[in-house]
C-alpha cells in the first residue's frame, strides 16, 4: 500500500496542469480579485460590516479547489486507468483495485486540504482574511462537503465510459455547479428562486456552509442535510454501478 501510494503520488505530481487548476489558480484568483477590486475589501453594512473577502469569497475559492479535484482530476484519472486496463490487471495481483481507489482519494483529499490551507493562509497574510471563526465547524463542513463532491466524482467515474467523455461531462457538471455556488454571481445577489435551487445543490450547500462557519455562524441544518444526502446517494450509486473494466 505504501509503495502504491508513493508511485501514485509521483504520477500525480507529474501533472502540472491538474496541480495548477486545483492549487495555484484558486490562490491566484483570491489575490488577484481581492486586491484589484476595492469593493471586495470594503465593509458591507448589509453583512454587519463584514467584507466580501472575509468569508463569502474565500469560501467559494476553497470550493473551487475541491470541485476541480472531485469533478475533473479524480474521475478522469480513474477512467483512464480503467480504459487502459490497469484496474483489470490489478485484480489479478495481491494489490487489489480498491487499494488504488483508496490511494487516489487520499491524494486528492490531501491536495484539497493543501490548497485550502494555502489559500486561507495567503489570504490571511495579504488580505487580512480572518481565520474561520467557528474553526471546528469549518473543518467538519470541509470534510462533509468534500465527501459529497468526491462521491459525485466517483459516481461519474462509474457511469462515464471514456476519458474523453469524462472531460466533457465533468465540465458540464462543474460550471453549472460553480455558478450555483456563487462563483460568478454571489448568492446574496441571486433571485430568491435561484438561491433556493442553490441550497439543494451540493456546491451551493457546501459554499454556504463554509461561508457561515468562516463568519462565525453555525451551518444551516438544511445545508448539512443536503450534503449528507448527496454523499450517501452518490456514494451508494457509485458503489453499485462501478465496474473495474
C-alpha atoms as a PDB file:
ATOM      1  CA  UNK A   1       0.000   0.000   0.000  1.00  0.00           C
ATOM      2  CA  UNK A   2       2.817   2.430   0.882  1.00  0.00           C
ATOM      3  CA  UNK A   3       4.646   1.672  -2.349  1.00  0.00           C
ATOM      4  CA  UNK A   4       1.444   2.168  -4.338  1.00  0.00           C
ATOM      5  CA  UNK A   5       0.814   5.476  -2.579  1.00  0.00           C
ATOM      6  CA  UNK A   6       4.344   6.638  -3.390  1.00  0.00           C
ATOM      7  CA  UNK A   7       4.016   5.682  -7.068  1.00  0.00           C
ATOM      8  CA  UNK A   8       0.598   7.328  -7.446  1.00  0.00           C
ATOM      9  CA  UNK A   9       1.816  10.484  -5.711  1.00  0.00           C
ATOM     10  CA  UNK A  10       4.754  10.742  -8.113  1.00  0.00           C
ATOM     11  CA  UNK A  11       2.424  10.276 -11.081  1.00  0.00           C
ATOM     12  CA  UNK A  12       0.061  12.903  -9.690  1.00  0.00           C
ATOM     13  CA  UNK A  13       2.880  15.411  -9.269  1.00  0.00           C
ATOM     14  CA  UNK A  14       3.863  14.901 -12.902  1.00  0.00           C
ATOM     15  CA  UNK A  15       0.587  16.507 -13.958  1.00  0.00           C
ATOM     16  CA  UNK A  16       1.310  20.235 -13.543  1.00  0.00           C
ATOM     17  CA  UNK A  17      -1.976  21.269 -15.153  1.00  0.00           C
ATOM     18  CA  UNK A  18      -4.006  19.459 -12.503  1.00  0.00           C
ATOM     19  CA  UNK A  19      -1.909  20.983  -9.722  1.00  0.00           C
ATOM     20  CA  UNK A  20      -2.240  24.455 -11.239  1.00  0.00           C
ATOM     21  CA  UNK A  21      -6.030  24.373 -11.533  1.00  0.00           C
ATOM     22  CA  UNK A  22      -6.578  22.724  -8.146  1.00  0.00           C
ATOM     23  CA  UNK A  23      -3.969  24.531  -6.038  1.00  0.00           C
ATOM     24  CA  UNK A  24      -2.430  27.564  -7.745  1.00  0.00           C
ATOM     25  CA  UNK A  25      -5.418  29.005  -9.624  1.00  0.00           C
ATOM     26  CA  UNK A  26      -7.675  29.404  -6.555  1.00  0.00           C
ATOM     27  CA  UNK A  27      -4.910  31.283  -4.718  1.00  0.00           C
ATOM     28  CA  UNK A  28      -4.224  33.472  -7.765  1.00  0.00           C
ATOM     29  CA  UNK A  29      -7.926  34.299  -8.099  1.00  0.00           C
ATOM     30  CA  UNK A  30      -8.211  35.117  -4.402  1.00  0.00           C
ATOM     31  CA  UNK A  31      -5.281  37.533  -4.531  1.00  0.00           C
ATOM     32  CA  UNK A  32      -5.943  38.993  -7.978  1.00  0.00           C
ATOM     33  CA  UNK A  33      -9.608  39.777  -7.387  1.00  0.00           C
ATOM     34  CA  UNK A  34      -9.213  40.535  -3.699  1.00  0.00           C
ATOM     35  CA  UNK A  35      -6.522  43.115  -4.386  1.00  0.00           C
ATOM     36  CA  UNK A  36      -7.823  44.578  -7.644  1.00  0.00           C
ATOM     37  CA  UNK A  37     -11.487  45.099  -6.707  1.00  0.00           C
ATOM     38  CA  UNK A  38     -11.719  47.659  -3.884  1.00  0.00           C
ATOM     39  CA  UNK A  39     -15.326  46.739  -3.112  1.00  0.00           C
ATOM     40  CA  UNK A  40     -14.191  43.283  -2.022  1.00  0.00           C
ATOM     41  CA  UNK A  41     -12.232  44.870   0.853  1.00  0.00           C
ATOM     42  CA  UNK A  42     -14.831  47.454   1.894  1.00  0.00           C
ATOM     43  CA  UNK A  43     -17.057  46.720   4.903  1.00  0.00           C
ATOM     44  CA  UNK A  44     -20.604  45.916   3.793  1.00  0.00           C
ATOM     45  CA  UNK A  45     -23.350  47.274   6.090  1.00  0.00           C
ATOM     46  CA  UNK A  46     -25.776  44.620   4.799  1.00  0.00           C
ATOM     47  CA  UNK A  47     -23.393  41.963   6.150  1.00  0.00           C
ATOM     48  CA  UNK A  48     -22.897  43.666   9.504  1.00  0.00           C
ATOM     49  CA  UNK A  49     -19.655  45.280   8.386  1.00  0.00           C
ATOM     50  CA  UNK A  50     -18.193  42.049   7.025  1.00  0.00           C
ATOM     51  CA  UNK A  51     -16.085  42.428   3.881  1.00  0.00           C
ATOM     52  CA  UNK A  52     -16.781  40.232   0.862  1.00  0.00           C
ATOM     53  CA  UNK A  53     -13.219  38.959   1.101  1.00  0.00           C
ATOM     54  CA  UNK A  54     -13.658  37.928   4.755  1.00  0.00           C
ATOM     55  CA  UNK A  55     -15.878  34.865   4.233  1.00  0.00           C
ATOM     56  CA  UNK A  56     -18.058  34.847   1.097  1.00  0.00           C
ATOM     57  CA  UNK A  57     -15.229  34.976  -1.431  1.00  0.00           C
ATOM     58  CA  UNK A  58     -12.733  32.665   0.357  1.00  0.00           C
ATOM     59  CA  UNK A  59     -15.442  30.015   0.817  1.00  0.00           C
ATOM     60  CA  UNK A  60     -16.031  29.932  -2.951  1.00  0.00           C
ATOM     61  CA  UNK A  61     -12.269  29.750  -3.557  1.00  0.00           C
ATOM     62  CA  UNK A  62     -11.996  26.717  -1.265  1.00  0.00           C
ATOM     63  CA  UNK A  63     -14.964  25.153  -3.028  1.00  0.00           C
ATOM     64  CA  UNK A  64     -13.348  25.813  -6.422  1.00  0.00           C
ATOM     65  CA  UNK A  65     -10.321  23.732  -5.469  1.00  0.00           C
ATOM     66  CA  UNK A  66     -12.338  20.797  -4.100  1.00  0.00           C
ATOM     67  CA  UNK A  67     -14.741  20.807  -7.059  1.00  0.00           C
ATOM     68  CA  UNK A  68     -11.871  20.824  -9.568  1.00  0.00           C
ATOM     69  CA  UNK A  69     -10.399  17.725  -7.984  1.00  0.00           C
ATOM     70  CA  UNK A  70     -13.732  15.958  -7.466  1.00  0.00           C
ATOM     71  CA  UNK A  71     -15.355  16.622 -10.849  1.00  0.00           C
ATOM     72  CA  UNK A  72     -12.288  16.567 -13.083  1.00  0.00           C
ATOM     73  CA  UNK A  73      -8.966  15.316 -11.738  1.00  0.00           C
ATOM     74  CA  UNK A  74     -10.057  12.224  -9.762  1.00  0.00           C
ATOM     75  CA  UNK A  75     -12.669  10.808 -12.183  1.00  0.00           C
ATOM     76  CA  UNK A  76     -10.541  11.446 -15.274  1.00  0.00           C
ATOM     77  CA  UNK A  77      -7.583   9.633 -13.722  1.00  0.00           C
ATOM     78  CA  UNK A  78      -9.672   6.620 -12.710  1.00  0.00           C
ATOM     79  CA  UNK A  79     -11.454   6.396 -16.064  1.00  0.00           C
ATOM     80  CA  UNK A  80      -8.077   6.451 -17.838  1.00  0.00           C
ATOM     81  CA  UNK A  81      -6.874   3.599 -15.602  1.00  0.00           C
ATOM     82  CA  UNK A  82      -9.992   1.585 -16.368  1.00  0.00           C
ATOM     83  CA  UNK A  83      -9.803   2.386 -20.083  1.00  0.00           C
ATOM     84  CA  UNK A  84      -6.184   1.194 -20.241  1.00  0.00           C
ATOM     85  CA  UNK A  85      -6.940  -1.998 -18.324  1.00  0.00           C
ATOM     86  CA  UNK A  86      -4.932  -1.014 -15.245  1.00  0.00           C
ATOM     87  CA  UNK A  87      -7.751  -1.865 -12.836  1.00  0.00           C
ATOM     88  CA  UNK A  88      -8.444  -5.189 -14.559  1.00  0.00           C
ATOM     89  CA  UNK A  89      -4.780  -6.222 -14.344  1.00  0.00           C
ATOM     90  CA  UNK A  90      -4.554  -5.148 -10.713  1.00  0.00           C
ATOM     91  CA  UNK A  91      -7.421  -7.512  -9.903  1.00  0.00           C
ATOM     92  CA  UNK A  92      -5.053 -10.422 -10.615  1.00  0.00           C
ATOM     93  CA  UNK A  93      -2.355  -9.181  -8.220  1.00  0.00           C
ATOM     94  CA  UNK A  94      -2.134  -9.029  -4.414  1.00  0.00           C
ATOM     95  CA  UNK A  95      -2.741  -5.269  -4.687  1.00  0.00           C
ATOM     96  CA  UNK A  96      -6.492  -5.057  -5.177  1.00  0.00           C
ATOM     97  CA  UNK A  97      -8.102  -2.293  -7.279  1.00  0.00           C
ATOM     98  CA  UNK A  98      -9.796  -0.944  -4.140  1.00  0.00           C
ATOM     99  CA  UNK A  99      -6.340  -0.028  -2.852  1.00  0.00           C
ATOM    100  CA  UNK A 100      -5.826   2.193  -5.893  1.00  0.00           C
ATOM    101  CA  UNK A 101      -9.174   3.889  -5.315  1.00  0.00           C
ATOM    102  CA  UNK A 102      -8.261   4.499  -1.685  1.00  0.00           C
ATOM    103  CA  UNK A 103      -4.874   5.946  -2.582  1.00  0.00           C
ATOM    104  CA  UNK A 104      -6.346   8.195  -5.272  1.00  0.00           C
ATOM    105  CA  UNK A 105      -8.983   9.512  -2.882  1.00  0.00           C
ATOM    106  CA  UNK A 106      -6.319  10.149  -0.244  1.00  0.00           C
ATOM    107  CA  UNK A 107      -4.082  12.016  -2.688  1.00  0.00           C
ATOM    108  CA  UNK A 108      -6.911  14.223  -3.920  1.00  0.00           C
ATOM    109  CA  UNK A 109      -8.179  14.881  -0.391  1.00  0.00           C
ATOM    110  CA  UNK A 110      -4.658  15.841   0.707  1.00  0.00           C
ATOM    111  CA  UNK A 111      -4.349  18.163  -2.292  1.00  0.00           C
ATOM    112  CA  UNK A 112      -7.671  19.812  -1.449  1.00  0.00           C
ATOM    113  CA  UNK A 113      -6.508  20.299   2.140  1.00  0.00           C
ATOM    114  CA  UNK A 114      -3.192  21.799   0.994  1.00  0.00           C
ATOM    115  CA  UNK A 115      -4.981  24.151  -1.404  1.00  0.00           C
ATOM    116  CA  UNK A 116      -7.335  25.274   1.372  1.00  0.00           C
ATOM    117  CA  UNK A 117      -4.543  25.899   3.868  1.00  0.00           C
ATOM    118  CA  UNK A 118      -2.544  27.772   1.236  1.00  0.00           C
ATOM    119  CA  UNK A 119      -5.467  29.927   0.097  1.00  0.00           C
ATOM    120  CA  UNK A 120      -6.584  30.856   3.609  1.00  0.00           C
ATOM    121  CA  UNK A 121      -3.003  31.337   4.802  1.00  0.00           C
ATOM    122  CA  UNK A 122      -2.015  33.617   1.917  1.00  0.00           C
ATOM    123  CA  UNK A 123      -5.354  35.421   2.177  1.00  0.00           C
ATOM    124  CA  UNK A 124      -4.800  35.996   5.892  1.00  0.00           C
ATOM    125  CA  UNK A 125      -1.320  37.440   5.375  1.00  0.00           C
ATOM    126  CA  UNK A 126      -2.007  39.603   2.311  1.00  0.00           C
ATOM    127  CA  UNK A 127      -5.715  40.420   2.554  1.00  0.00           C
ATOM    128  CA  UNK A 128      -6.280  40.103   6.295  1.00  0.00           C
ATOM    129  CA  UNK A 129      -8.794  37.301   5.731  1.00  0.00           C
ATOM    130  CA  UNK A 130      -9.689  36.127   9.251  1.00  0.00           C
ATOM    131  CA  UNK A 131      -9.185  32.577  10.409  1.00  0.00           C
ATOM    132  CA  UNK A 132     -12.546  30.735  10.336  1.00  0.00           C
ATOM    133  CA  UNK A 133     -14.328  31.907  13.472  1.00  0.00           C
ATOM    134  CA  UNK A 134     -16.005  28.521  14.059  1.00  0.00           C
ATOM    135  CA  UNK A 135     -12.894  26.542  13.245  1.00  0.00           C
ATOM    136  CA  UNK A 136     -14.102  23.086  14.306  1.00  0.00           C
ATOM    137  CA  UNK A 137     -17.388  23.538  12.440  1.00  0.00           C
ATOM    138  CA  UNK A 138     -15.467  24.767   9.400  1.00  0.00           C
ATOM    139  CA  UNK A 139     -13.341  21.611   9.420  1.00  0.00           C
ATOM    140  CA  UNK A 140     -16.449  19.472   9.770  1.00  0.00           C
ATOM    141  CA  UNK A 141     -18.156  21.179   6.825  1.00  0.00           C
ATOM    142  CA  UNK A 142     -14.958  20.990   4.766  1.00  0.00           C
ATOM    143  CA  UNK A 143     -14.821  17.215   5.278  1.00  0.00           C
ATOM    144  CA  UNK A 144     -18.559  16.636   4.795  1.00  0.00           C
ATOM    145  CA  UNK A 145     -18.752  18.769   1.657  1.00  0.00           C
ATOM    146  CA  UNK A 146     -15.609  17.142   0.279  1.00  0.00           C
ATOM    147  CA  UNK A 147     -17.166  13.720   0.865  1.00  0.00           C
ATOM    148  CA  UNK A 148     -20.282  14.773  -1.068  1.00  0.00           C
ATOM    149  CA  UNK A 149     -18.331  16.165  -4.029  1.00  0.00           C
ATOM    150  CA  UNK A 150     -15.900  13.237  -4.226  1.00  0.00           C
ATOM    151  CA  UNK A 151     -18.847  10.824  -4.035  1.00  0.00           C
ATOM    152  CA  UNK A 152     -20.291  12.546  -7.087  1.00  0.00           C
ATOM    153  CA  UNK A 153     -16.895  12.265  -8.773  1.00  0.00           C
ATOM    154  CA  UNK A 154     -16.837   8.531  -8.116  1.00  0.00           C
ATOM    155  CA  UNK A 155     -20.377   8.239  -9.465  1.00  0.00           C
ATOM    156  CA  UNK A 156     -19.244   9.948 -12.668  1.00  0.00           C
ATOM    157  CA  UNK A 157     -16.327   7.515 -12.817  1.00  0.00           C
ATOM    158  CA  UNK A 158     -18.778   4.622 -12.559  1.00  0.00           C
ATOM    159  CA  UNK A 159     -21.086   5.707 -15.371  1.00  0.00           C
ATOM    160  CA  UNK A 160     -18.839   7.513 -17.878  1.00  0.00           C
ATOM    161  CA  UNK A 161     -17.071   5.050 -20.196  1.00  0.00           C
ATOM    162  CA  UNK A 162     -14.122   7.015 -21.645  1.00  0.00           C
ATOM    163  CA  UNK A 163     -11.672   9.704 -20.602  1.00  0.00           C
ATOM    164  CA  UNK A 164     -12.730  11.982 -23.469  1.00  0.00           C
ATOM    165  CA  UNK A 165     -16.369  11.715 -22.433  1.00  0.00           C
ATOM    166  CA  UNK A 166     -15.349  12.248 -18.805  1.00  0.00           C
ATOM    167  CA  UNK A 167     -13.650  15.528 -19.607  1.00  0.00           C
ATOM    168  CA  UNK A 168     -16.743  16.796 -21.413  1.00  0.00           C
ATOM    169  CA  UNK A 169     -19.245  15.589 -18.811  1.00  0.00           C
ATOM    170  CA  UNK A 170     -17.042  16.756 -15.939  1.00  0.00           C
ATOM    171  CA  UNK A 171     -17.028  20.271 -17.397  1.00  0.00           C
ATOM    172  CA  UNK A 172     -20.779  20.107 -17.983  1.00  0.00           C
ATOM    173  CA  UNK A 173     -21.238  19.329 -14.287  1.00  0.00           C
ATOM    174  CA  UNK A 174     -18.527  21.663 -12.963  1.00  0.00           C
ATOM    175  CA  UNK A 175     -19.556  25.003 -14.481  1.00  0.00           C
ATOM    176  CA  UNK A 176     -23.275  24.975 -13.580  1.00  0.00           C
ATOM    177  CA  UNK A 177     -22.431  23.711 -10.102  1.00  0.00           C
ATOM    178  CA  UNK A 178     -19.911  26.516  -9.555  1.00  0.00           C
ATOM    179  CA  UNK A 179     -22.390  29.090 -10.882  1.00  0.00           C
ATOM    180  CA  UNK A 180     -24.971  27.900  -8.356  1.00  0.00           C
ATOM    181  CA  UNK A 181     -22.312  28.079  -5.639  1.00  0.00           C
ATOM    182  CA  UNK A 182     -21.823  31.794  -6.333  1.00  0.00           C
ATOM    183  CA  UNK A 183     -18.525  31.839  -8.240  1.00  0.00           C
ATOM    184  CA  UNK A 184     -19.785  34.359 -10.830  1.00  0.00           C
ATOM    185  CA  UNK A 185     -22.897  35.722  -9.135  1.00  0.00           C
ATOM    186  CA  UNK A 186     -22.748  35.897  -5.323  1.00  0.00           C
ATOM    187  CA  UNK A 187     -25.580  34.026  -3.622  1.00  0.00           C
ATOM    188  CA  UNK A 188     -26.689  37.251  -1.943  1.00  0.00           C
ATOM    189  CA  UNK A 189     -27.447  38.739  -5.367  1.00  0.00           C
ATOM    190  CA  UNK A 190     -29.277  35.701  -6.746  1.00  0.00           C
ATOM    191  CA  UNK A 191     -33.052  35.852  -7.181  1.00  0.00           C
ATOM    192  CA  UNK A 192     -34.900  34.035  -4.424  1.00  0.00           C
ATOM    193  CA  UNK A 193     -35.852  31.114  -6.680  1.00  0.00           C
ATOM    194  CA  UNK A 194     -32.275  30.629  -7.860  1.00  0.00           C
ATOM    195  CA  UNK A 195     -30.969  30.806  -4.298  1.00  0.00           C
ATOM    196  CA  UNK A 196     -33.423  28.087  -3.252  1.00  0.00           C
ATOM    197  CA  UNK A 197     -32.176  25.906  -6.089  1.00  0.00           C
ATOM    198  CA  UNK A 198     -28.610  26.628  -4.956  1.00  0.00           C
ATOM    199  CA  UNK A 199     -29.482  25.495  -1.422  1.00  0.00           C
ATOM    200  CA  UNK A 200     -30.236  21.944  -2.582  1.00  0.00           C
ATOM    201  CA  UNK A 201     -27.206  21.536  -4.837  1.00  0.00           C
ATOM    202  CA  UNK A 202     -24.030  20.057  -3.335  1.00  0.00           C
ATOM    203  CA  UNK A 203     -21.869  23.039  -4.261  1.00  0.00           C
ATOM    204  CA  UNK A 204     -24.437  25.610  -3.162  1.00  0.00           C
ATOM    205  CA  UNK A 205     -24.891  23.933   0.211  1.00  0.00           C
ATOM    206  CA  UNK A 206     -21.133  23.398   0.579  1.00  0.00           C
ATOM    207  CA  UNK A 207     -20.231  27.010  -0.197  1.00  0.00           C
ATOM    208  CA  UNK A 208     -22.940  28.356   2.115  1.00  0.00           C
ATOM    209  CA  UNK A 209     -21.847  26.089   4.970  1.00  0.00           C
ATOM    210  CA  UNK A 210     -18.205  27.142   4.578  1.00  0.00           C
ATOM    211  CA  UNK A 211     -19.166  30.798   4.499  1.00  0.00           C
ATOM    212  CA  UNK A 212     -21.343  30.516   7.600  1.00  0.00           C
ATOM    213  CA  UNK A 213     -18.640  28.827   9.653  1.00  0.00           C
ATOM    214  CA  UNK A 214     -15.962  31.244   8.438  1.00  0.00           C
ATOM    215  CA  UNK A 215     -18.174  34.140   9.527  1.00  0.00           C
ATOM    216  CA  UNK A 216     -18.814  32.621  12.957  1.00  0.00           C
ATOM    217  CA  UNK A 217     -22.292  31.201  12.369  1.00  0.00           C
ATOM    218  CA  UNK A 218     -23.455  27.618  12.763  1.00  0.00           C
ATOM    219  CA  UNK A 219     -24.128  25.949   9.420  1.00  0.00           C
ATOM    220  CA  UNK A 220     -27.754  25.634   8.376  1.00  0.00           C
ATOM    221  CA  UNK A 221     -29.327  22.269   9.108  1.00  0.00           C
ATOM    222  CA  UNK A 222     -30.685  22.371   5.555  1.00  0.00           C
ATOM    223  CA  UNK A 223     -27.192  22.630   4.099  1.00  0.00           C
ATOM    224  CA  UNK A 224     -25.850  19.897   6.377  1.00  0.00           C
ATOM    225  CA  UNK A 225     -28.728  17.615   5.411  1.00  0.00           C
ATOM    226  CA  UNK A 226     -28.234  18.323   1.707  1.00  0.00           C
ATOM    227  CA  UNK A 227     -24.540  17.425   1.913  1.00  0.00           C
ATOM    228  CA  UNK A 228     -25.259  14.229   3.842  1.00  0.00           C
ATOM    229  CA  UNK A 229     -27.898  13.244   1.287  1.00  0.00           C
ATOM    230  CA  UNK A 230     -25.626  13.872  -1.710  1.00  0.00           C
ATOM    231  CA  UNK A 231     -22.754  11.976  -0.099  1.00  0.00           C
ATOM    232  CA  UNK A 232     -24.979   8.984   0.701  1.00  0.00           C
ATOM    233  CA  UNK A 233     -26.882   8.861  -2.585  1.00  0.00           C
ATOM    234  CA  UNK A 234     -23.949   9.480  -4.921  1.00  0.00           C
ATOM    235  CA  UNK A 235     -21.633   7.250  -2.903  1.00  0.00           C
ATOM    236  CA  UNK A 236     -24.158   4.424  -2.807  1.00  0.00           C
ATOM    237  CA  UNK A 237     -24.807   4.696  -6.545  1.00  0.00           C
ATOM    238  CA  UNK A 238     -21.078   4.707  -7.262  1.00  0.00           C
ATOM    239  CA  UNK A 239     -20.587   1.502  -5.262  1.00  0.00           C
ATOM    240  CA  UNK A 240     -23.445  -0.269  -7.054  1.00  0.00           C
ATOM    241  CA  UNK A 241     -22.540   0.859 -10.558  1.00  0.00           C
ATOM    242  CA  UNK A 242     -18.731   0.875 -10.522  1.00  0.00           C
ATOM    243  CA  UNK A 243     -17.027  -1.588 -12.856  1.00  0.00           C
ATOM    244  CA  UNK A 244     -13.331  -2.415 -12.917  1.00  0.00           C
ATOM    245  CA  UNK A 245     -13.275  -2.909 -16.691  1.00  0.00           C
END
